[in-house]
Amino acid sequence: MARLILREYGITYDDIREQFISIPEATAAMKDGNIDVGIATLGTPAPTLMDLTHYKKIRFLDIETDMADRINKKFPAYFPRTIPAGTYTGMTKPHHTLAWMGLFIVHKDFPGELAYDILKAVFDHKPELDAIHVQFKKILLENANKGMSVPLHPGAIRFFKEKGLIK
């Protein structure tokens, strides 16, 4: 995702000194002043960013609406999202960024019954998932097959047909 977004802004990895480190490592490096910028794909609110903003004043860089729309047209799995002001310490205004669709991806030869059972289990146990992270509450059956950037598996097609979401 980082490479795609930077490219849309005309920046390549040749233009920066990129490091491929984990989000906790990036948080520690920002706290220590060892890196200036981090790009992360995290559910909001992200505990690591909550921790970072308690120790260091940071600035969230917005992705402008026209750029977010352009990226979404090229890569439908990424779509515009606004993180509300106050989500993190010192965040005084809404942050315009991109969100992404979390996908279950299986090989085309994956057993159809098992693919179906996985989706059924997810939606039969939504309250349990919702308790894990606040963002799970935004995963709704009505929009579960929207923004797909890969073809649906036959097991998923069967599940969504039974739920009346596709014909």
C-alpha atoms as a PDB file:
ATOM      1  CA  MET A   1       0.000   0.000   0.000  1.00  0.00           C
ATOM      2  CA  ALA A   2       2.788   2.425   0.889  1.00  0.00           C
ATOM      3  CA  ARG A   3       4.513   1.937  -2.446  1.00  0.00           C
ATOM      4  CA  LEU A   4       1.235   2.505  -4.344  1.00  0.00           C
ATOM      5  CA  ILE A   5       0.343   5.681  -2.468  1.00  0.00           C
ATOM      6  CA  LEU A   6       3.819   7.153  -2.697  1.00  0.00           C
ATOM      7  CA  ARG A   7       3.879   6.436  -6.444  1.00  0.00           C
ATOM      8  CA  GLU A   8       0.632   8.390  -6.888  1.00  0.00           C
ATOM      9  CA  TYR A   9       2.407  11.360  -5.303  1.00  0.00           C
ATOM     10  CA  GLY A  10       5.380  10.889  -7.635  1.00  0.00           C
ATOM     11  CA  ILE A  11       7.639   9.419  -4.944  1.00  0.00           C
ATOM     12  CA  THR A  12       9.519   6.152  -5.373  1.00  0.00           C
ATOM     13  CA  TYR A  13      11.669   4.167  -2.974  1.00  0.00           C
ATOM     14  CA  ASP A  14      14.642   5.641  -4.846  1.00  0.00           C
ATOM     15  CA  ASP A  15      13.653   9.041  -3.408  1.00  0.00           C
ATOM     16  CA  ILE A  16      13.639   7.985   0.249  1.00  0.00           C
ATOM     17  CA  ARG A  17      15.542   5.796   2.693  1.00  0.00           C
ATOM     18  CA  GLU A  18      12.864   3.209   3.286  1.00  0.00           C
ATOM     19  CA  GLN A  19      12.972   0.705   6.111  1.00  0.00           C
ATOM     20  CA  PHE A  20      10.763  -2.345   6.293  1.00  0.00           C
ATOM     21  CA  ILE A  21      10.104  -2.625  10.006  1.00  0.00           C
ATOM     22  CA  SER A  22       7.132  -3.668  12.074  1.00  0.00           C
ATOM     23  CA  ILE A  23       4.647  -1.132  13.357  1.00  0.00           C
ATOM     24  CA  PRO A  24       5.910  -1.461  16.968  1.00  0.00           C
ATOM     25  CA  GLU A  25       9.483  -0.949  15.712  1.00  0.00           C
ATOM     26  CA  ALA A  26       8.365   2.117  13.740  1.00  0.00           C
ATOM     27  CA  THR A  27       6.604   3.497  16.817  1.00  0.00           C
ATOM     28  CA  ALA A  28       9.761   3.053  18.895  1.00  0.00           C
ATOM     29  CA  ALA A  29      11.904   4.603  16.146  1.00  0.00           C
ATOM     30  CA  MET A  30       9.608   7.637  15.968  1.00  0.00           C
ATOM     31  CA  LYS A  31       9.716   8.008  19.762  1.00  0.00           C
ATOM     32  CA  ASP A  32      13.520   7.876  19.635  1.00  0.00           C
ATOM     33  CA  GLY A  33      13.736  10.269  16.677  1.00  0.00           C
ATOM     34  CA  ASN A  34      15.359   7.632  14.471  1.00  0.00           C
ATOM     35  CA  ILE A  35      12.759   7.938  11.700  1.00  0.00           C
ATOM     36  CA  ASP A  36      10.769  10.931  10.550  1.00  0.00           C
ATOM     37  CA  VAL A  37       7.819   9.264   8.834  1.00  0.00           C
ATOM     38  CA  GLY A  38       5.906   6.044   9.178  1.00  0.00           C
ATOM     39  CA  ILE A  39       3.256   4.569   6.925  1.00  0.00           C
ATOM     40  CA  ALA A  40       0.988   2.059   8.586  1.00  0.00           C
ATOM     41  CA  THR A  41      -2.169   0.138   7.823  1.00  0.00           C
ATOM     42  CA  LEU A  42      -3.890  -0.258  11.164  1.00  0.00           C
ATOM     43  CA  GLY A  43      -7.394  -0.462  12.526  1.00  0.00           C
ATOM     44  CA  THR A  44      -8.439   2.719  14.311  1.00  0.00           C
ATOM     45  CA  PRO A  45      -7.907   3.375  17.124  1.00  0.00           C
ATOM     46  CA  ALA A  46      -4.530   1.661  16.970  1.00  0.00           C
ATOM     47  CA  PRO A  47      -2.958   1.033  20.390  1.00  0.00           C
ATOM     48  CA  THR A  48       0.562   1.633  19.055  1.00  0.00           C
ATOM     49  CA  LEU A  49      -0.444   5.092  17.753  1.00  0.00           C
ATOM     50  CA  MET A  50      -2.273   5.839  20.997  1.00  0.00           C
ATOM     51  CA  ASP A  51       0.981   5.068  22.803  1.00  0.00           C
ATOM     52  CA  LEU A  52       3.092   7.126  20.390  1.00  0.00           C
ATOM     53  CA  THR A  53       0.869  10.209  20.614  1.00  0.00           C
ATOM     54  CA  HIS A  54       1.090  10.128  24.429  1.00  0.00           C
ATOM     55  CA  TYR A  55       4.874  10.441  24.228  1.00  0.00           C
ATOM     56  CA  LYS A  56       5.476  12.503  21.122  1.00  0.00           C
ATOM     57  CA  LYS A  57       3.644  15.193  19.212  1.00  0.00           C
ATOM     58  CA  ILE A  58       3.087  13.874  15.691  1.00  0.00           C
ATOM     59  CA  ARG A  59       1.308  15.138  12.627  1.00  0.00           C
ATOM     60  CA  PHE A  60      -1.012  13.003  10.533  1.00  0.00           C
ATOM     61  CA  LEU A  61      -0.604  13.749   6.824  1.00  0.00           C
ATOM     62  CA  ASP A  62      -3.897  13.873   4.969  1.00  0.00           C
ATOM     63  CA  ILE A  63      -4.547  12.226   1.653  1.00  0.00           C
ATOM     64  CA  GLU A  64      -6.534  14.843  -0.237  1.00  0.00           C
ATOM     65  CA  THR A  65     -10.013  13.910  -1.466  1.00  0.00           C
ATOM     66  CA  ASP A  66      -9.102  14.029  -5.156  1.00  0.00           C
ATOM     67  CA  MET A  67      -6.019  11.865  -4.540  1.00  0.00           C
ATOM     68  CA  ALA A  68      -8.002   9.388  -2.428  1.00  0.00           C
ATOM     69  CA  ASP A  69     -10.603   9.142  -5.200  1.00  0.00           C
ATOM     70  CA  ARG A  70      -7.875   8.648  -7.800  1.00  0.00           C
ATOM     71  CA  ILE A  71      -6.260   5.874  -5.763  1.00  0.00           C
ATOM     72  CA  ASN A  72      -9.660   4.251  -5.201  1.00  0.00           C
ATOM     73  CA  LYS A  73     -10.359   4.213  -8.942  1.00  0.00           C
ATOM     74  CA  LYS A  74      -7.036   2.472  -9.619  1.00  0.00           C
ATOM     75  CA  PHE A  75      -7.128   0.221  -6.556  1.00  0.00           C
ATOM     76  CA  PRO A  76     -10.746  -0.380  -5.438  1.00  0.00           C
ATOM     77  CA  ALA A  77      -9.695  -2.166  -2.249  1.00  0.00           C
ATOM     78  CA  TYR A  78      -8.501   1.237  -0.894  1.00  0.00           C
ATOM     79  CA  PHE A  79     -11.169   3.836  -0.238  1.00  0.00           C
ATOM     80  CA  PRO A  80     -11.391   7.288   1.382  1.00  0.00           C
ATOM     81  CA  ARG A  81     -11.897   7.347   5.141  1.00  0.00           C
ATOM     82  CA  THR A  82     -11.900  10.026   7.798  1.00  0.00           C
ATOM     83  CA  ILE A  83     -10.547   9.395  11.278  1.00  0.00           C
ATOM     84  CA  PRO A  84     -12.397  11.704  13.683  1.00  0.00           C
ATOM     85  CA  ALA A  85     -10.587  14.488  15.520  1.00  0.00           C
ATOM     86  CA  GLY A  86      -9.637  13.448  19.031  1.00  0.00           C
ATOM     87  CA  THR A  87      -9.068   9.803  18.140  1.00  0.00           C
ATOM     88  CA  TYR A  88      -5.443  10.234  19.200  1.00  0.00           C
ATOM     89  CA  THR A  89      -3.830  12.620  21.692  1.00  0.00           C
ATOM     90  CA  GLY A  90      -3.165  15.972  20.017  1.00  0.00           C
ATOM     91  CA  MET A  91      -5.302  15.151  16.965  1.00  0.00           C
ATOM     92  CA  THR A  92      -7.340  18.352  16.813  1.00  0.00           C
ATOM     93  CA  LYS A  93      -8.886  17.909  13.365  1.00  0.00           C
ATOM     94  CA  PRO A  94     -10.229  15.005  11.326  1.00  0.00           C
ATOM     95  CA  HIS A  95      -7.634  13.013   9.408  1.00  0.00           C
ATOM     96  CA  HIS A  96      -8.393  12.153   5.782  1.00  0.00           C
ATOM     97  CA  THR A  97      -6.766   8.908   4.767  1.00  0.00           C
ATOM     98  CA  LEU A  98      -7.458   5.608   3.078  1.00  0.00           C
ATOM     99  CA  ALA A  99      -8.961   2.478   4.497  1.00  0.00           C
ATOM    100  CA  TRP A 100      -8.736  -0.939   2.960  1.00  0.00           C
ATOM    101  CA  MET A 101     -10.955  -3.910   2.690  1.00  0.00           C
ATOM    102  CA  GLY A 102      -9.794  -6.819   4.789  1.00  0.00           C
ATOM    103  CA  LEU A 103     -10.153  -9.877   2.616  1.00  0.00           C
ATOM    104  CA  PHE A 104     -10.249 -13.582   3.177  1.00  0.00           C
ATOM    105  CA  ILE A 105      -8.271 -14.879   0.223  1.00  0.00           C
ATOM    106  CA  VAL A 106      -8.063 -18.519  -0.708  1.00  0.00           C
ATOM    107  CA  HIS A 107      -6.711 -20.402  -3.694  1.00  0.00           C
ATOM    108  CA  LYS A 108      -9.208 -21.064  -6.468  1.00  0.00           C
ATOM    109  CA  ASP A 109      -8.919 -24.791  -5.682  1.00  0.00           C
ATOM    110  CA  PHE A 110      -9.689 -24.293  -1.973  1.00  0.00           C
ATOM    111  CA  PRO A 111     -12.644 -26.512  -0.977  1.00  0.00           C
ATOM    112  CA  GLY A 112     -15.914 -24.670  -1.611  1.00  0.00           C
ATOM    113  CA  GLU A 113     -17.616 -26.051   1.476  1.00  0.00           C
ATOM    114  CA  LEU A 114     -14.780 -24.846   3.700  1.00  0.00           C
ATOM    115  CA  ALA A 115     -14.814 -21.350   2.133  1.00  0.00           C
ATOM    116  CA  TYR A 116     -18.574 -21.240   2.731  1.00  0.00           C
ATOM    117  CA  ASP A 117     -18.148 -22.449   6.341  1.00  0.00           C
ATOM    118  CA  ILE A 118     -15.528 -19.773   7.075  1.00  0.00           C
ATOM    119  CA  LEU A 119     -17.844 -16.961   5.953  1.00  0.00           C
ATOM    120  CA  LYS A 120     -20.761 -18.525   7.818  1.00  0.00           C
ATOM    121  CA  ALA A 121     -18.681 -18.769  11.006  1.00  0.00           C
ATOM    122  CA  VAL A 122     -17.591 -15.135  10.729  1.00  0.00           C
ATOM    123  CA  PHE A 123     -21.120 -13.819  10.376  1.00  0.00           C
ATOM    124  CA  ASP A 124     -22.678 -16.301  12.818  1.00  0.00           C
ATOM    125  CA  HIS A 125     -20.216 -15.099  15.467  1.00  0.00           C
ATOM    126  CA  LYS A 126     -20.168 -11.354  14.733  1.00  0.00           C
ATOM    127  CA  PRO A 127     -20.746 -10.262  18.354  1.00  0.00           C
ATOM    128  CA  GLU A 128     -17.635 -12.168  19.444  1.00  0.00           C
ATOM    129  CA  LEU A 129     -15.567 -10.562  16.670  1.00  0.00           C
ATOM    130  CA  ASP A 130     -16.995  -7.131  17.445  1.00  0.00           C
ATOM    131  CA  ALA A 131     -15.667  -7.475  20.988  1.00  0.00           C
ATOM    132  CA  ILE A 132     -12.097  -7.968  19.709  1.00  0.00           C
ATOM    133  CA  HIS A 133     -11.701  -4.590  17.957  1.00  0.00           C
ATOM    134  CA  VAL A 134     -14.020  -1.654  17.432  1.00  0.00           C
ATOM    135  CA  GLN A 135     -13.500  -1.772  13.643  1.00  0.00           C
ATOM    136  CA  PHE A 136     -15.088  -5.223  13.403  1.00  0.00           C
ATOM    137  CA  LYS A 137     -18.410  -3.518  14.137  1.00  0.00           C
ATOM    138  CA  LYS A 138     -18.143  -1.821  10.746  1.00  0.00           C
ATOM    139  CA  ILE A 139     -17.995  -5.143   8.917  1.00  0.00           C
ATOM    140  CA  LEU A 140     -21.599  -5.683   7.954  1.00  0.00           C
ATOM    141  CA  LEU A 141     -23.074  -8.495   5.937  1.00  0.00           C
ATOM    142  CA  GLU A 142     -24.666  -5.912   3.610  1.00  0.00           C
ATOM    143  CA  ASN A 143     -21.266  -4.575   2.528  1.00  0.00           C
ATOM    144  CA  ALA A 144     -19.103  -7.667   2.982  1.00  0.00           C
ATOM    145  CA  ASN A 145     -18.673  -8.288  -0.737  1.00  0.00           C
ATOM    146  CA  LYS A 146     -18.231  -4.667  -1.818  1.00  0.00           C
ATOM    147  CA  GLY A 147     -14.873  -3.361  -3.010  1.00  0.00           C
ATOM    148  CA  MET A 148     -13.590  -6.793  -3.923  1.00  0.00           C
ATOM    149  CA  SER A 149     -10.380  -6.619  -5.918  1.00  0.00           C
ATOM    150  CA  VAL A 150     -10.291 -10.376  -6.548  1.00  0.00           C
ATOM    151  CA  PRO A 151     -12.941 -12.745  -7.934  1.00  0.00           C
ATOM    152  CA  LEU A 152     -15.247 -14.352  -5.406  1.00  0.00           C
ATOM    153  CA  HIS A 153     -14.619 -18.013  -4.633  1.00  0.00           C
ATOM    154  CA  PRO A 154     -17.524 -20.402  -5.434  1.00  0.00           C
ATOM    155  CA  GLY A 155     -18.002 -21.021  -1.683  1.00  0.00           C
ATOM    156  CA  ALA A 156     -18.295 -17.267  -1.100  1.00  0.00           C
ATOM    157  CA  ILE A 157     -20.690 -16.923  -4.033  1.00  0.00           C
ATOM    158  CA  ARG A 158     -22.907 -19.620  -2.490  1.00  0.00           C
ATOM    159  CA  PHE A 159     -22.830 -17.849   0.899  1.00  0.00           C
ATOM    160  CA  PHE A 160     -23.651 -14.411  -0.523  1.00  0.00           C
ATOM    161  CA  LYS A 161     -26.391 -15.843  -2.763  1.00  0.00           C
ATOM    162  CA  GLU A 162     -28.030 -17.505   0.250  1.00  0.00           C
ATOM    163  CA  LYS A 163     -27.927 -14.161   2.048  1.00  0.00           C
ATOM    164  CA  GLY A 164     -29.511 -12.430  -0.965  1.00  0.00           C
ATOM    165  CA  LEU A 165     -26.509 -10.181  -1.633  1.00  0.00           C
ATOM    166  CA  ILE A 166     -25.807 -11.469  -5.145  1.00  0.00           C
ATOM    167  CA  LYS A 167     -27.997 -13.122  -7.746  1.00  0.00           C
END
